[in-house]
């Protein structure tokens, strides 16, 4: 299946900007959810692993982020 069909990268398709060295389905989903929640809320809580330049969430942003995840 192509990337567009499976919506997830294979282990050998890890992008350079990925936070993971080993890509599993679980890691792929986590990374996608974090990116989508960050786009929605414009921040990331301090305790989520990421490599995105974004503001740290305040209490309202944290609530938004958790609801988006």
N, C-alpha and C. Protein backbone atom coordinates (compact mmCIF):
# COMPACT_ATOMS: atom_id res chain seq x y z
N UNK A 1 0.84 -1.19 0.00
CA UNK A 1 0.00 0.00 0.00
C UNK A 1 0.88 1.24 0.00
N UNK A 2 0.38 2.28 -0.58
CA UNK A 2 1.11 3.54 -0.59
C UNK A 2 0.93 4.26 0.75
N UNK A 3 1.75 5.29 0.97
CA UNK A 3 1.66 6.08 2.19
C UNK A 3 0.27 6.69 2.34
N UNK A 4 -0.31 7.17 1.25
CA UNK A 4 -1.63 7.80 1.29
C UNK A 4 -2.71 6.80 1.69
N UNK A 5 -2.57 5.55 1.31
CA UNK A 5 -3.56 4.53 1.66
C UNK A 5 -3.45 4.09 3.11
N UNK A 6 -2.22 3.91 3.58
CA UNK A 6 -2.06 3.38 4.94
C UNK A 6 -2.00 4.46 6.00
N UNK A 7 -1.77 5.74 5.61
CA UNK A 7 -1.75 6.89 6.53
C UNK A 7 -0.70 6.77 7.63
N UNK A 8 0.33 6.00 7.39
CA UNK A 8 1.38 5.82 8.38
C UNK A 8 2.66 5.40 7.66
N UNK A 9 3.80 5.86 8.15
CA UNK A 9 5.08 5.51 7.53
C UNK A 9 5.56 4.15 8.01
N UNK A 10 6.30 3.47 7.16
CA UNK A 10 6.93 2.21 7.55
C UNK A 10 8.23 2.51 8.27
N UNK A 11 8.81 1.49 8.89
CA UNK A 11 10.02 1.69 9.68
C UNK A 11 11.15 2.30 8.85
N UNK A 12 11.27 1.92 7.59
CA UNK A 12 12.31 2.44 6.73
C UNK A 12 12.01 3.81 6.15
N UNK A 13 10.85 4.38 6.46
CA UNK A 13 10.44 5.66 5.90
C UNK A 13 10.44 6.79 6.94
N UNK A 14 11.22 6.65 7.97
CA UNK A 14 11.28 7.67 9.02
C UNK A 14 11.82 8.96 8.44
N UNK A 15 11.09 10.05 8.64
CA UNK A 15 11.55 11.34 8.11
C UNK A 15 12.64 11.91 9.01
N UNK A 16 13.43 12.80 8.46
CA UNK A 16 14.55 13.40 9.19
C UNK A 16 14.09 14.19 10.41
N UNK A 17 12.92 14.80 10.34
CA UNK A 17 12.45 15.64 11.45
C UNK A 17 11.64 14.86 12.48
N UNK A 18 11.64 13.56 12.39
CA UNK A 18 10.88 12.73 13.34
C UNK A 18 11.54 12.74 14.71
N UNK A 19 10.73 12.60 15.75
CA UNK A 19 11.27 12.53 17.11
C UNK A 19 11.69 11.11 17.47
N UNK A 20 11.36 10.15 16.62
CA UNK A 20 11.66 8.75 16.88
C UNK A 20 12.71 8.21 15.92
N UNK A 21 13.56 7.32 16.41
CA UNK A 21 14.54 6.65 15.56
C UNK A 21 13.94 5.35 15.02
N UNK A 22 13.06 4.73 15.78
CA UNK A 22 12.36 3.52 15.35
C UNK A 22 10.90 3.90 15.19
N UNK A 23 10.36 3.62 14.03
CA UNK A 23 9.00 4.03 13.73
C UNK A 23 8.05 2.86 13.81
N UNK A 24 7.17 2.88 14.78
CA UNK A 24 6.12 1.87 14.90
C UNK A 24 4.79 2.56 14.63
N UNK A 25 3.76 1.78 14.49
CA UNK A 25 2.43 2.35 14.25
C UNK A 25 2.03 3.26 15.41
N UNK A 26 2.34 2.83 16.63
CA UNK A 26 2.00 3.61 17.82
C UNK A 26 2.75 4.95 17.82
N UNK A 27 4.05 4.93 17.48
CA UNK A 27 4.84 6.16 17.42
C UNK A 27 4.31 7.09 16.33
N UNK A 28 3.94 6.52 15.21
CA UNK A 28 3.42 7.31 14.10
C UNK A 28 2.14 8.03 14.51
N UNK A 29 1.24 7.30 15.14
CA UNK A 29 -0.02 7.90 15.58
C UNK A 29 0.21 8.99 16.62
N UNK A 30 1.11 8.73 17.56
CA UNK A 30 1.42 9.73 18.58
C UNK A 30 1.93 11.02 17.95
N UNK A 31 2.90 10.88 17.05
CA UNK A 31 3.48 12.06 16.41
C UNK A 31 2.43 12.83 15.61
N UNK A 32 1.56 12.12 14.91
CA UNK A 32 0.49 12.77 14.14
C UNK A 32 -0.50 13.49 15.06
N UNK A 33 -0.88 12.86 16.16
CA UNK A 33 -1.83 13.48 17.10
C UNK A 33 -1.24 14.73 17.73
N UNK A 34 0.03 14.69 18.10
CA UNK A 34 0.67 15.86 18.70
C UNK A 34 0.69 17.02 17.70
N UNK A 35 1.04 16.73 16.44
CA UNK A 35 1.09 17.79 15.42
C UNK A 35 -0.29 18.38 15.17
N UNK A 36 -1.30 17.54 15.10
CA UNK A 36 -2.66 18.04 14.86
C UNK A 36 -3.17 18.85 16.04
N UNK A 37 -2.92 18.39 17.27
CA UNK A 37 -3.35 19.12 18.46
C UNK A 37 -2.63 20.45 18.56
N UNK A 38 -1.34 20.49 18.20
CA UNK A 38 -0.58 21.74 18.24
C UNK A 38 -1.15 22.74 17.23
N UNK A 39 -1.51 22.29 16.05
CA UNK A 39 -2.09 23.18 15.04
C UNK A 39 -3.42 23.75 15.52
N UNK A 40 -4.20 22.95 16.21
CA UNK A 40 -5.50 23.38 16.71
C UNK A 40 -5.37 24.36 17.88
N UNK A 41 -4.46 24.07 18.80
CA UNK A 41 -4.36 24.84 20.05
C UNK A 41 -3.23 25.86 20.07
N UNK A 42 -2.31 25.79 19.12
CA UNK A 42 -1.17 26.71 19.03
C UNK A 42 -0.22 26.64 20.21
N UNK A 43 -0.16 25.48 20.85
CA UNK A 43 0.78 25.28 21.95
C UNK A 43 0.93 23.78 22.22
N UNK A 44 1.95 23.43 23.00
CA UNK A 44 2.17 22.04 23.40
C UNK A 44 2.51 22.04 24.89
N UNK A 45 1.86 21.18 25.68
CA UNK A 45 2.22 21.08 27.11
C UNK A 45 3.67 20.62 27.28
N UNK A 46 4.29 21.02 28.35
CA UNK A 46 5.70 20.73 28.59
C UNK A 46 6.00 19.24 28.67
N UNK A 47 5.01 18.43 29.07
CA UNK A 47 5.28 17.01 29.32
C UNK A 47 5.01 16.10 28.12
N UNK A 48 4.81 16.66 26.93
CA UNK A 48 4.66 15.86 25.73
C UNK A 48 5.95 15.90 24.92
N UNK A 49 6.41 14.75 24.48
CA UNK A 49 7.62 14.66 23.68
C UNK A 49 7.34 15.23 22.30
N UNK A 50 8.19 16.15 21.85
CA UNK A 50 8.03 16.74 20.53
C UNK A 50 9.31 17.45 20.13
N UNK A 51 9.39 17.82 18.88
CA UNK A 51 10.52 18.61 18.40
C UNK A 51 10.02 19.78 17.56
N UNK A 52 8.84 20.26 17.90
CA UNK A 52 8.20 21.36 17.20
C UNK A 52 8.45 22.65 17.97
N UNK A 53 8.80 23.70 17.26
CA UNK A 53 8.95 25.01 17.92
C UNK A 53 7.55 25.56 18.16
N UNK A 54 7.12 25.52 19.41
CA UNK A 54 5.78 25.99 19.76
C UNK A 54 5.80 26.53 21.19
N UNK A 55 4.82 27.35 21.46
CA UNK A 55 4.67 27.90 22.81
C UNK A 55 4.23 26.81 23.78
N UNK A 56 4.61 26.98 25.03
CA UNK A 56 4.15 26.05 26.06
C UNK A 56 2.73 26.45 26.46
N UNK A 57 1.86 25.47 26.62
CA UNK A 57 0.45 25.73 26.92
C UNK A 57 0.25 26.28 28.33
N UNK A 58 -0.68 27.22 28.43
CA UNK A 58 -1.17 27.63 29.73
C UNK A 58 -2.32 26.69 30.09
N UNK A 59 -3.07 26.97 31.12
CA UNK A 59 -4.13 26.07 31.58
C UNK A 59 -5.22 25.88 30.52
N UNK A 60 -5.55 26.93 29.78
CA UNK A 60 -6.58 26.83 28.75
C UNK A 60 -6.06 26.08 27.53
N UNK A 61 -4.82 26.36 27.15
CA UNK A 61 -4.21 25.66 26.03
C UNK A 61 -4.02 24.19 26.33
N UNK A 62 -3.66 23.88 27.58
CA UNK A 62 -3.48 22.49 27.99
C UNK A 62 -4.80 21.73 27.89
N UNK A 63 -5.89 22.35 28.30
CA UNK A 63 -7.21 21.73 28.19
C UNK A 63 -7.55 21.49 26.72
N UNK A 64 -7.29 22.48 25.88
CA UNK A 64 -7.52 22.35 24.44
C UNK A 64 -6.70 21.19 23.89
N UNK A 65 -5.42 21.13 24.27
CA UNK A 65 -4.53 20.10 23.75
C UNK A 65 -5.00 18.70 24.15
N UNK A 66 -5.33 18.52 25.43
CA UNK A 66 -5.80 17.21 25.89
C UNK A 66 -7.09 16.80 25.20
N UNK A 67 -7.99 17.75 24.98
CA UNK A 67 -9.24 17.44 24.28
C UNK A 67 -8.96 17.07 22.82
N UNK A 68 -7.99 17.72 22.22
CA UNK A 68 -7.64 17.43 20.82
C UNK A 68 -6.95 16.08 20.69
N UNK A 69 -6.19 15.70 21.69
CA UNK A 69 -5.49 14.41 21.63
C UNK A 69 -6.49 13.28 21.75
